[in-house]
Protein backbone atom coordinates (compact mmCIF):
# COMPACT_ATOMS: atom_id res chain seq x y z
CA MET A 1 -122.78 -6.87 1.36
CA LYS A 2 -119.68 -9.00 0.82
CA LYS A 3 -116.62 -8.72 2.99
CA GLN A 4 -113.47 -8.19 0.99
CA LYS A 5 -110.49 -10.31 1.94
CA LYS A 6 -107.31 -8.45 2.69
CA ASN A 7 -104.13 -9.27 0.86
CA ALA A 8 -102.10 -11.33 3.34
CA ALA A 9 -98.79 -10.06 1.99
CA ALA A 10 -99.88 -6.44 2.38
CA VAL A 11 -101.07 -7.07 5.94
CA ALA A 12 -97.74 -8.68 6.86
CA LEU A 13 -95.80 -5.74 5.42
CA GLY A 14 -98.02 -3.27 7.24
CA ARG A 15 -97.28 -4.90 10.58
CA LYS A 16 -93.54 -4.59 10.00
CA GLY A 17 -93.57 -1.13 8.45
CA GLY A 18 -92.52 1.22 11.24
CA ARG A 19 -90.13 -1.19 12.89
CA ASN A 20 -88.34 -2.05 9.63
CA SER A 21 -88.09 1.55 8.49
CA ARG A 22 -86.60 2.62 11.83
CA ALA A 23 -84.10 -0.24 11.75
CA ASN A 24 -82.75 1.03 8.43
CA LEU A 25 -82.25 4.62 9.65
CA PRO A 26 -79.00 5.92 11.10
CA ALA A 27 -78.95 6.56 14.86
CA GLU A 28 -79.00 10.36 14.39
CA LYS A 29 -82.20 10.20 12.33
CA ARG A 30 -83.90 7.86 14.84
CA THR A 31 -82.96 10.23 17.67
CA ALA A 32 -84.34 13.22 15.79
CA LEU A 33 -87.61 11.41 15.07
CA ALA A 34 -87.94 10.32 18.71
CA LYS A 35 -87.39 13.88 19.95
CA LYS A 36 -89.97 15.24 17.51
CA ALA A 37 -92.48 12.61 18.63
CA ALA A 38 -91.88 13.40 22.30
CA VAL A 39 -92.43 17.12 21.71
CA ALA A 40 -95.66 16.35 19.86
CA ARG A 41 -96.91 14.11 22.68
CA TRP A 42 -96.15 16.61 25.41
CA SER A 43 -97.58 19.59 23.55
CA ALA A 44 -100.80 17.64 22.94
CA LYS A 45 -101.10 16.86 26.67
CA LYS A 46 -100.70 20.52 27.60
CA LYS A 47 -103.43 21.53 25.15
CA ALA A 48 -105.79 18.87 26.52
CA ALA A 49 -105.55 20.12 30.14
CA PRO A 50 -108.87 20.62 31.92
CA LYS A 51 -110.35 24.12 31.79
CA GLY A 52 -110.41 24.42 35.61
CA GLU A 53 -106.61 24.53 35.85
């Protein structure tokens, strides 16, 4: 089985993806996305609470 080489340009773009896309958004959009992410994180933690509590 041969290992396929990854396209170096695609890998470099992938590493920059989220950071570059956020840098191009207006502050209001970034704030909205951050709030949505925080709600998702906290709701996931509440669902994952141990059954004994």
